[in-house]
Protein backbone atom coordinates (compact mmCIF):
# COMPACT_ATOMS: atom_id res chain seq x y z
CA MET A 1 -64.48 -78.12 -0.30
CA LEU A 2 -65.45 -81.76 -0.65
CA ALA A 3 -69.10 -80.99 0.06
CA ILE A 4 -69.22 -78.29 -2.62
CA ASP A 5 -67.54 -80.59 -5.14
CA SER A 6 -70.09 -83.32 -4.45
CA ILE A 7 -72.91 -80.87 -5.13
CA THR A 8 -71.45 -79.63 -8.40
CA SER A 9 -70.22 -83.02 -9.67
CA GLY A 10 -73.60 -83.93 -11.12
CA ALA A 11 -73.77 -87.17 -9.14
CA GLY A 12 -77.48 -86.70 -8.43
CA ARG A 13 -80.14 -85.56 -10.86
CA GLU A 14 -81.90 -83.09 -8.57
CA SER A 15 -83.72 -79.95 -9.58
CA GLN A 16 -81.95 -76.61 -9.59
CA GLU A 17 -83.73 -75.58 -6.40
CA GLY A 18 -82.51 -78.74 -4.69
CA LYS A 19 -78.90 -78.12 -5.66
CA ALA A 20 -79.16 -74.44 -4.76
CA GLY A 21 -80.56 -75.42 -1.36
CA GLN A 22 -77.76 -77.92 -0.84
CA LEU A 23 -75.21 -75.29 -1.80
CA ALA A 24 -76.67 -72.75 0.63
CA GLU A 25 -76.74 -75.35 3.41
CA THR A 26 -73.13 -76.34 2.76
CA ALA A 27 -71.99 -72.71 2.62
CA ASN A 28 -73.70 -71.97 5.94
CA MET A 29 -72.08 -75.05 7.49
CA ILE A 30 -68.64 -73.96 6.28
CA ALA A 31 -69.20 -70.43 7.59
CA GLY A 32 -70.32 -71.80 10.94
CA GLN A 33 -67.34 -74.08 11.35
CA LEU A 34 -64.69 -71.72 10.04
CA PHE A 35 -65.87 -68.38 11.34
CA TYR A 36 -68.03 -69.03 14.38
CA GLY A 37 -66.03 -72.08 15.50
CA THR A 38 -62.80 -70.09 15.44
CA LEU A 39 -64.46 -67.17 17.17
CA LEU A 40 -65.76 -69.36 20.00
CA LYS A 41 -62.37 -71.04 20.38
CA GLN A 42 -60.69 -67.66 20.75
CA LEU A 43 -63.29 -66.48 23.24
CA ARG A 44 -62.86 -69.61 25.35
CA SER A 45 -59.10 -69.20 25.45
CA SER A 46 -59.37 -65.69 26.90
CA GLU A 47 -58.61 -65.08 30.54
CA LEU A 48 -62.02 -63.62 31.39
CA LYS A 49 -63.16 -66.52 33.55
CA GLY A 50 -64.69 -65.18 36.68
CA GLU A 51 -66.05 -66.59 39.86
CA TYR A 52 -69.56 -66.68 38.41
CA GLY A 53 -70.77 -68.03 35.08
CA HIS A 54 -68.21 -70.78 34.90
CA GLY A 55 -69.42 -74.40 34.76
CA GLY A 56 -66.39 -75.89 36.44
CA ARG A 57 -64.72 -79.12 35.37
CA GLY A 58 -67.77 -80.42 33.49
CA GLU A 59 -67.78 -77.35 31.27
CA GLU A 60 -64.08 -77.70 30.60
CA VAL A 61 -64.49 -81.36 29.59
CA PHE A 62 -67.40 -80.84 27.20
CA GLN A 63 -66.62 -77.29 26.03
CA ALA A 64 -65.32 -78.36 22.60
CA GLN A 65 -68.52 -80.30 21.87
CA LEU A 66 -70.68 -77.38 22.97
CA ASP A 67 -68.67 -74.93 20.87
CA GLU A 68 -68.99 -77.19 17.82
CA LEU A 69 -72.76 -77.40 18.26
CA LEU A 70 -73.05 -73.63 18.75
CA ALA A 71 -70.94 -72.99 15.64
CA ILE A 72 -73.13 -75.32 13.56
CA ARG A 73 -76.32 -73.68 14.81
CA ALA A 74 -74.93 -70.18 14.16
CA GLY A 75 -74.00 -71.23 10.64
CA GLU A 76 -77.44 -72.73 10.02
CA ALA A 77 -79.03 -69.44 11.07
CA GLY A 78 -77.48 -67.89 7.95
CA GLY A 79 -77.38 -64.18 7.34
CA ASN A 80 -73.61 -64.01 7.04
CA GLY A 81 -71.88 -62.42 4.07
CA PHE A 82 -69.37 -65.23 3.61
CA ALA A 83 -71.98 -67.89 2.95
CA GLU A 84 -73.92 -65.59 0.64
CA SER A 85 -70.83 -64.86 -1.45
CA VAL A 86 -70.03 -68.58 -1.70
CA VAL A 87 -73.58 -69.29 -2.88
CA LYS A 88 -73.39 -66.49 -5.42
CA ARG A 89 -70.06 -67.66 -6.82
CA TYR A 90 -70.67 -71.41 -6.90
CA GLY A 91 -74.32 -70.98 -7.85
CA ARG A 92 -73.19 -69.84 -11.28
CA ARG A 93 -71.03 -72.95 -11.55
CA VAL A 94 -73.95 -75.19 -10.61
CA GLU A 95 -76.14 -73.51 -13.23
CA ALA A 96 -73.45 -73.95 -15.91
CA LEU A 97 -73.02 -77.62 -15.07
CA GLU A 98 -76.76 -78.21 -15.17
CA ALA A 99 -77.00 -76.53 -18.58
CA TYR A 100 -74.18 -78.75 -19.82
CA GLU A 101 -75.90 -81.87 -18.43
CA ARG A 102 -79.19 -80.92 -20.12
CA LYS A 103 -77.35 -80.46 -23.40
CA GLN A 104 -75.67 -83.86 -23.03
CA GLN A 105 -78.98 -85.55 -22.22
CA ALA A 106 -80.61 -83.95 -25.27
CA THR A 107 -77.74 -85.21 -27.43
CA GLU A 108 -78.07 -88.74 -26.03
CA VAL A 109 -81.82 -88.77 -26.66
CA ARG A 110 -81.34 -87.72 -30.30
CA GLN A 111 -78.78 -90.49 -30.83
CA TRP A 112 -81.30 -93.16 -29.83
């Protein structure tokens, strides 16, 4: 939530495309960590470890780091409905804030 708030706070004066791109990137990251990260964690905790396809102790030690990286990459790939709905919802908020900022800037210019 912090990342979305920083995008919509108006801290930077980027173009609408820049903020929309940041919002999409943040939404994909959230989807990757929440959905895919949880999915991988559940898959790893299953009892389907066989004789083959298991990396032994090294895999067990570094599995959390690998799962985190896989979740981030899956989120970056996009194409998930969760991220798209977040972009659609917060995109309207970003547009409204930008319109308000433009109005405030126009008012400040007239006062000079």
